[in-house]
PDB file of N, CA and C in Angstrom:
ATOM      1  N   MET A   1      82.078  80.292  -9.469  1.00  0.00           N
ATOM      2  CA  MET A   1      83.050  78.255  -9.220  1.00  0.00           C
ATOM      3  C   MET A   1      83.170  77.541  -8.055  1.00  0.00           C
ATOM      4  N   ASP A   2      82.293  77.570  -6.980  1.00  0.00           N
ATOM      5  CA  ASP A   2      82.702  76.780  -6.218  1.00  0.00           C
ATOM      6  C   ASP A   2      81.742  75.360  -6.445  1.00  0.00           C
ATOM      7  N   TYR A   3      80.798  75.847  -7.638  1.00  0.00           N
ATOM      8  CA  TYR A   3      79.707  74.814  -7.572  1.00  0.00           C
ATOM      9  C   TYR A   3      80.446  74.615  -8.751  1.00  0.00           C
ATOM     10  N   VAL A   4      81.254  74.644  -9.059  1.00  0.00           N
ATOM     11  CA  VAL A   4      82.126  74.083 -10.517  1.00  0.00           C
ATOM     12  C   VAL A   4      82.693  72.591 -10.019  1.00  0.00           C
ATOM     13  N   SER A   5      83.483  73.053  -8.714  1.00  0.00           N
ATOM     14  CA  SER A   5      84.696  72.157  -8.217  1.00  0.00           C
ATOM     15  C   SER A   5      83.574  70.929  -7.140  1.00  0.00           C
ATOM     16  N   ALA A   6      82.318  71.906  -6.403  1.00  0.00           N
ATOM     17  CA  ALA A   6      81.761  70.676  -6.505  1.00  0.00           C
ATOM     18  C   ALA A   6      80.982  70.051  -7.360  1.00  0.00           C
ATOM     19  N   LEU A   7      80.856  69.768  -8.182  1.00  0.00           N
ATOM     20  CA  LEU A   7      79.962  68.705  -9.427  1.00  0.00           C
ATOM     21  C   LEU A   7      81.209  68.089 -10.544  1.00  0.00           C
ATOM     22  N   LEU A   8      82.830  68.595 -10.125  1.00  0.00           N
ATOM     23  CA  LEU A   8      83.096  68.093 -11.320  1.00  0.00           C
ATOM     24  C   LEU A   8      83.511  66.531 -10.899  1.00  0.00           C
ATOM     25  N   PRO A   9      83.755  65.926  -9.353  1.00  0.00           N
ATOM     26  CA  PRO A   9      83.804  64.792  -9.714  1.00  0.00           C
ATOM     27  C   PRO A   9      82.640  63.821  -9.745  1.00  0.00           C
ATOM     28  N   PRO A  10      81.651  64.356  -9.253  1.00  0.00           N
ATOM     29  CA  PRO A  10      80.025  63.308  -9.262  1.00  0.00           C
ATOM     30  C   PRO A  10      80.233  63.278 -10.946  1.00  0.00           C
ATOM     31  N   VAL A  11      80.660  64.147 -11.188  1.00  0.00           N
ATOM     32  CA  VAL A  11      80.116  64.254 -13.118  1.00  0.00           C
ATOM     33  C   VAL A  11      81.828  63.055 -13.189  1.00  0.00           C
ATOM     34  N   VAL A  12      82.782  63.370 -13.195  1.00  0.00           N
ATOM     35  CA  VAL A  12      83.903  62.228 -13.571  1.00  0.00           C
ATOM     36  C   VAL A  12      83.709  61.104 -13.129  1.00  0.00           C
ATOM     37  N   MET A  13      82.756  61.072 -12.172  1.00  0.00           N
ATOM     38  CA  MET A  13      83.055  59.606 -12.060  1.00  0.00           C
ATOM     39  C   MET A  13      81.961  58.603 -12.593  1.00  0.00           C
ATOM     40  N   ALA A  14      80.184  59.648 -12.663  1.00  0.00           N
ATOM     41  CA  ALA A  14      79.725  59.157 -14.000  1.00  0.00           C
ATOM     42  C   ALA A  14      80.105  59.428 -15.409  1.00  0.00           C
ATOM     43  N   VAL A  15      80.321  59.746 -15.866  1.00  0.00           N
ATOM     44  CA  VAL A  15      81.292  59.545 -17.312  1.00  0.00           C
ATOM     45  C   VAL A  15      82.204  57.988 -17.260  1.00  0.00           C
ATOM     46  N   LEU A  16      82.823  57.363 -16.372  1.00  0.00           N
ATOM     47  CA  LEU A  16      84.210  56.713 -15.708  1.00  0.00           C
ATOM     48  C   LEU A  16      82.779  55.132 -15.670  1.00  0.00           C
ATOM     49  N   PHE A  17      81.625  55.273 -15.044  1.00  0.00           N
ATOM     50  CA  PHE A  17      81.152  53.938 -15.023  1.00  0.00           C
ATOM     51  C   PHE A  17      80.112  54.045 -16.164  1.00  0.00           C
ATOM     52  N   VAL A  18      79.388  55.112 -16.178  1.00  0.00           N
ATOM     53  CA  VAL A  18      79.717  54.907 -18.551  1.00  0.00           C
ATOM     54  C   VAL A  18      80.383  53.994 -19.324  1.00  0.00           C
ATOM     55  N   ALA A  19      81.590  54.561 -19.185  1.00  0.00           N
ATOM     56  CA  ALA A  19      82.920  53.941 -20.738  1.00  0.00           C
ATOM     57  C   ALA A  19      82.428  52.363 -19.235  1.00  0.00           C
ATOM     58  N   VAL A  20      82.888  52.216 -18.839  1.00  0.00           N
ATOM     59  CA  VAL A  20      82.792  50.808 -18.201  1.00  0.00           C
ATOM     60  C   VAL A  20      82.054  49.985 -18.438  1.00  0.00           C
ATOM     61  N   ILE A  21      80.943  50.328 -18.337  1.00  0.00           N
ATOM     62  CA  ILE A  21      79.751  49.651 -19.083  1.00  0.00           C
ATOM     63  C   ILE A  21      79.597  49.034 -20.183  1.00  0.00           C
ATOM     64  N   ARG A  22      80.182  50.319 -21.079  1.00  0.00           N
ATOM     65  CA  ARG A  22      79.639  50.215 -22.191  1.00  0.00           C
ATOM     66  C   ARG A  22      81.124  49.184 -22.410  1.00  0.00           C
ATOM     67  N   VAL A  23      81.964  49.385 -22.046  1.00  0.00           N
ATOM     68  CA  VAL A  23      83.354  48.374 -22.204  1.00  0.00           C
ATOM     69  C   VAL A  23      83.390  46.349 -22.020  1.00  0.00           C
ATOM     70  N   ILE A  24      82.138  46.572 -20.504  1.00  0.00           N
ATOM     71  CA  ILE A  24      81.970  45.422 -20.298  1.00  0.00           C
ATOM     72  C   ILE A  24      80.803  45.358 -21.382  1.00  0.00           C
ATOM     73  N   VAL A  25      79.440  45.980 -22.169  1.00  0.00           N
ATOM     74  CA  VAL A  25      78.408  45.370 -22.969  1.00  0.00           C
ATOM     75  C   VAL A  25      79.440  44.847 -23.726  1.00  0.00           C
ATOM     76  N   LYS A  26      80.786  45.827 -24.899  1.00  0.00           N
ATOM     77  CA  LYS A  26      81.029  45.418 -25.594  1.00  0.00           C
ATOM     78  C   LYS A  26      81.434  44.252 -25.677  1.00  0.00           C
ATOM     79  N   THR A  27      82.668  43.323 -24.665  1.00  0.00           N
ATOM     80  CA  THR A  27      83.163  42.639 -25.040  1.00  0.00           C
ATOM     81  C   THR A  27      82.681  41.375 -24.363  1.00  0.00           C
ATOM     82  N   GLN A  28      81.051  41.317 -23.953  1.00  0.00           N
ATOM     83  CA  GLN A  28      79.857  40.184 -23.973  1.00  0.00           C
ATOM     84  C   GLN A  28      79.720  39.490 -25.388  1.00  0.00           C
ATOM     85  N   GLY A  29      80.392  38.285 -25.672  1.00  0.00           N
ATOM     86  CA  GLY A  29      79.637  38.142 -27.063  1.00  0.00           C
ATOM     87  C   GLY A  29      81.256  38.262 -27.902  1.00  0.00           C
ATOM     88  N   GLY A  30      81.150  38.218 -29.300  1.00  0.00           N
ATOM     89  CA  GLY A  30      81.475  38.550 -30.079  1.00  0.00           C
ATOM     90  C   GLY A  30      82.582  37.698 -30.526  1.00  0.00           C
ATOM     91  N   ALA A  31      83.272  37.532 -30.949  1.00  0.00           N
ATOM     92  CA  ALA A  31      84.822  36.875 -31.343  1.00  0.00           C
ATOM     93  C   ALA A  31      85.133  35.972 -30.291  1.00  0.00           C
ATOM     94  N   ASN A  32      85.140  36.285 -29.090  1.00  0.00           N
ATOM     95  CA  ASN A  32      85.584  35.718 -28.223  1.00  0.00           C
ATOM     96  C   ASN A  32      84.628  34.721 -27.785  1.00  0.00           C
ATOM     97  N   LYS A  33      83.764  34.756 -27.931  1.00  0.00           N
ATOM     98  CA  LYS A  33      82.382  33.926 -26.807  1.00  0.00           C
ATOM     99  C   LYS A  33      82.588  32.584 -27.218  1.00  0.00           C
ATOM    100  N   ALA A  34      82.765  32.042 -28.268  1.00  0.00           N
ATOM    101  CA  ALA A  34      82.739  30.819 -28.473  1.00  0.00           C
ATOM    102  C   ALA A  34      84.279  30.203 -27.680  1.00  0.00           C
ATOM    103  N   LYS A  35      85.074  30.683 -28.020  1.00  0.00           N
ATOM    104  CA  LYS A  35      86.739  30.399 -26.660  1.00  0.00           C
ATOM    105  C   LYS A  35      86.255  30.329 -25.712  1.00  0.00           C
ATOM    106  N   GLU A  36      85.654  31.570 -24.509  1.00  0.00           N
ATOM    107  CA  GLU A  36      84.591  31.344 -23.539  1.00  0.00           C
ATOM    108  C   GLU A  36      84.084  30.302 -23.204  1.00  0.00           C
ATOM    109  N   ASP A  37      82.806  29.773 -24.321  1.00  0.00           N
ATOM    110  CA  ASP A  37      82.183  29.035 -24.098  1.00  0.00           C
ATOM    111  C   ASP A  37      82.587  27.743 -23.860  1.00  0.00           C
ATOM    112  N   ALA A  38      83.626  27.375 -24.886  1.00  0.00           N
ATOM    113  CA  ALA A  38      83.970  26.130 -24.652  1.00  0.00           C
ATOM    114  C   ALA A  38      85.173  25.989 -23.804  1.00  0.00           C
ATOM    115  N   ALA A  39      85.738  27.193 -23.341  1.00  0.00           N
ATOM    116  CA  ALA A  39      86.849  27.192 -22.356  1.00  0.00           C
ATOM    117  C   ALA A  39      85.665  26.630 -21.122  1.00  0.00           C
ATOM    118  N   VAL A  40      84.237  26.657 -20.643  1.00  0.00           N
ATOM    119  CA  VAL A  40      83.020  26.581 -19.750  1.00  0.00           C
ATOM    120  C   VAL A  40      82.838  25.429 -19.495  1.00  0.00           C
ATOM    121  N   ASP A  41      83.034  24.966 -21.052  1.00  0.00           N
ATOM    122  CA  ASP A  41      82.829  23.219 -20.628  1.00  0.00           C
ATOM    123  C   ASP A  41      82.898  22.928 -20.856  1.00  0.00           C
ATOM    124  N   ALA A  42      84.334  22.962 -21.140  1.00  0.00           N
ATOM    125  CA  ALA A  42      85.386  21.797 -20.554  1.00  0.00           C
ATOM    126  C   ALA A  42      85.954  21.493 -19.815  1.00  0.00           C
ATOM    127  N   ALA A  43      86.012  23.051 -18.566  1.00  0.00           N
ATOM    128  CA  ALA A  43      85.771  23.180 -17.540  1.00  0.00           C
ATOM    129  C   ALA A  43      84.853  22.730 -16.509  1.00  0.00           C
ATOM    130  N   ILE A  44      84.016  22.414 -16.878  1.00  0.00           N
ATOM    131  CA  ILE A  44      82.846  21.993 -16.289  1.00  0.00           C
ATOM    132  C   ILE A  44      82.755  19.930 -16.416  1.00  0.00           C
ATOM    133  N   ALA A  45      83.013  19.622 -17.855  1.00  0.00           N
ATOM    134  CA  ALA A  45      82.930  18.542 -18.153  1.00  0.00           C
ATOM    135  C   ALA A  45      84.351  17.952 -17.833  1.00  0.00           C
ATOM    136  N   GLN A  46      85.212  18.235 -16.301  1.00  0.00           N
ATOM    137  CA  GLN A  46      86.404  18.318 -16.392  1.00  0.00           C
ATOM    138  C   GLN A  46      85.979  17.936 -14.436  1.00  0.00           C
ATOM    139  N   ALA A  47      85.150  19.167 -14.036  1.00  0.00           N
ATOM    140  CA  ALA A  47      84.585  19.177 -12.799  1.00  0.00           C
ATOM    141  C   ALA A  47      83.362  17.853 -12.756  1.00  0.00           C
ATOM    142  N   GLU A  48      83.103  17.301 -13.536  1.00  0.00           N
ATOM    143  CA  GLU A  48      81.892  16.318 -14.009  1.00  0.00           C
ATOM    144  C   GLU A  48      82.561  14.366 -13.752  1.00  0.00           C
ATOM    145  N   GLY A  49      83.905  14.716 -15.225  1.00  0.00           N
ATOM    146  CA  GLY A  49      84.613  13.630 -14.997  1.00  0.00           C
ATOM    147  C   GLY A  49      84.949  12.808 -13.805  1.00  0.00           C
ATOM    148  N   ALA A  50      85.694  14.033 -12.989  1.00  0.00           N
ATOM    149  CA  ALA A  50      86.510  13.609 -11.415  1.00  0.00           C
ATOM    150  C   ALA A  50      85.619  13.541 -10.613  1.00  0.00           C
ATOM    151  N   ARG A  51      83.827  13.710 -10.792  1.00  0.00           N
ATOM    152  CA  ARG A  51      82.742  13.321  -9.465  1.00  0.00           C
ATOM    153  C   ARG A  51      82.669  12.044  -9.950  1.00  0.00           C
ATOM    154  N   ARG A  52      82.603  11.715 -11.292  1.00  0.00           N
ATOM    155  CA  ARG A  52      82.462  10.225 -11.550  1.00  0.00           C
ATOM    156  C   ARG A  52      82.911   9.667 -10.980  1.00  0.00           C
ATOM    157  N   THR A  53      84.423   9.862 -11.011  1.00  0.00           N
ATOM    158  CA  THR A  53      85.552   9.468 -10.839  1.00  0.00           C
ATOM    159  C   THR A  53      85.351   8.982  -9.425  1.00  0.00           C
ATOM    160  N   GLU A  54      85.275   9.556  -9.021  1.00  0.00           N
ATOM    161  CA  GLU A  54      85.387   9.762  -6.763  1.00  0.00           C
ATOM    162  C   GLU A  54      83.556   8.270  -6.436  1.00  0.00           C
ATOM    163  N   ALA A  55      83.117   8.521  -7.257  1.00  0.00           N
ATOM    164  CA  ALA A  55      82.042   8.187  -6.878  1.00  0.00           C
ATOM    165  C   ALA A  55      81.612   6.451  -7.160  1.00  0.00           C
TER     166      ALA A  55
END
């Protein structure tokens, strides 16, 4: 019975790790990708505009 208590924490951590990786992979792209890309493009454009104004 000691081997079960010894193996349980690593197995639980492995399952949780796989679950987190699956969530990360599933949230990449999809319906929100266009909004995220637009937000990044807007931030880059704003930073470039501020840099050009200073120069």
